[in-house]
């Protein structure tokens, strides 16, 4: 990927994302790095994953509103 694409991904993560870890349910599981981006456009999420070269995209997640 180009430097411009990497800069775009860095800006998206900096502006709308967060980085954390998740522990497994079993004691022997290793922590997993997680990147969360508050975005509801699947094309943007797929472009980010392609830009960084790894990861799986889950979502966007649609939350139900209480009525």
Protein backbone atom coordinates (compact mmCIF):
# COMPACT_ATOMS: atom_id res chain seq x y z
CA UNK A 1 0.00 0.00 0.00
CA UNK A 2 1.04 3.57 -0.57
CA UNK A 3 2.18 6.01 2.09
CA UNK A 4 -1.05 7.95 1.49
CA UNK A 5 -3.14 4.85 2.24
CA UNK A 6 -1.20 4.21 5.45
CA UNK A 7 -1.66 7.87 6.45
CA UNK A 8 -5.41 7.56 5.80
CA UNK A 9 -5.61 4.44 8.00
CA UNK A 10 -3.61 6.13 10.77
CA UNK A 11 -5.91 9.15 10.67
CA UNK A 12 -9.03 6.98 10.82
CA UNK A 13 -7.69 5.03 13.79
CA UNK A 14 -6.57 8.21 15.55
CA UNK A 15 -9.89 9.98 14.99
CA UNK A 16 -12.44 7.21 15.37
CA UNK A 17 -10.66 4.17 16.77
CA UNK A 18 -9.35 2.60 19.92
CA UNK A 19 -6.82 -0.13 20.64
CA UNK A 20 -7.16 -2.61 23.49
CA UNK A 21 -6.72 -6.19 24.55
CA UNK A 22 -9.18 -8.97 25.19
CA UNK A 23 -8.45 -11.98 27.37
CA UNK A 24 -9.57 -15.45 26.44
CA UNK A 25 -12.16 -17.34 28.43
CA UNK A 26 -9.73 -20.10 29.35
CA UNK A 27 -6.72 -19.60 31.57
CA UNK A 28 -4.26 -20.76 28.90
CA UNK A 29 -5.56 -18.30 26.25
CA UNK A 30 -3.28 -15.41 25.40
CA UNK A 31 -4.57 -11.83 25.28
CA UNK A 32 -5.65 -10.64 21.84
CA UNK A 33 -5.07 -7.18 20.42
CA UNK A 34 -8.32 -5.52 19.35
CA UNK A 35 -8.92 -2.44 17.22
CA UNK A 36 -12.37 -0.90 17.36
CA UNK A 37 -13.49 1.80 14.94
CA UNK A 38 -16.79 3.62 15.40
CA UNK A 39 -17.91 3.45 11.79
CA UNK A 40 -21.11 2.23 10.16
CA UNK A 41 -19.84 2.13 6.57
CA UNK A 42 -18.61 -1.38 5.74
CA UNK A 43 -16.55 -0.11 2.79
CA UNK A 44 -14.51 2.10 5.12
CA UNK A 45 -13.94 -0.78 7.54
CA UNK A 46 -12.82 -3.12 4.74
CA UNK A 47 -10.48 -0.45 3.34
CA UNK A 48 -8.91 -0.03 6.78
CA UNK A 49 -8.28 -3.78 7.12
CA UNK A 50 -6.76 -3.86 3.64
CA UNK A 51 -4.58 -0.84 4.43
CA UNK A 52 -3.07 -2.31 7.59
CA UNK A 53 -2.76 -5.77 6.06
CA UNK A 54 -4.38 -7.87 8.78
CA UNK A 55 -7.49 -8.38 10.82
CA UNK A 56 -11.12 -9.35 10.43
CA UNK A 57 -14.02 -6.98 10.05
CA UNK A 58 -17.10 -7.60 12.19
CA UNK A 59 -19.87 -5.20 11.44
CA UNK A 60 -21.01 -2.65 11.21
CA UNK A 61 -23.11 -3.61 14.21
CA UNK A 62 -26.62 -2.27 14.26
CA UNK A 63 -27.97 -1.68 17.73
CA UNK A 64 -31.66 -1.94 18.46
CA UNK A 65 -33.26 1.08 20.05
CA UNK A 66 -35.74 0.68 22.85
CA UNK A 67 -39.26 1.66 21.93
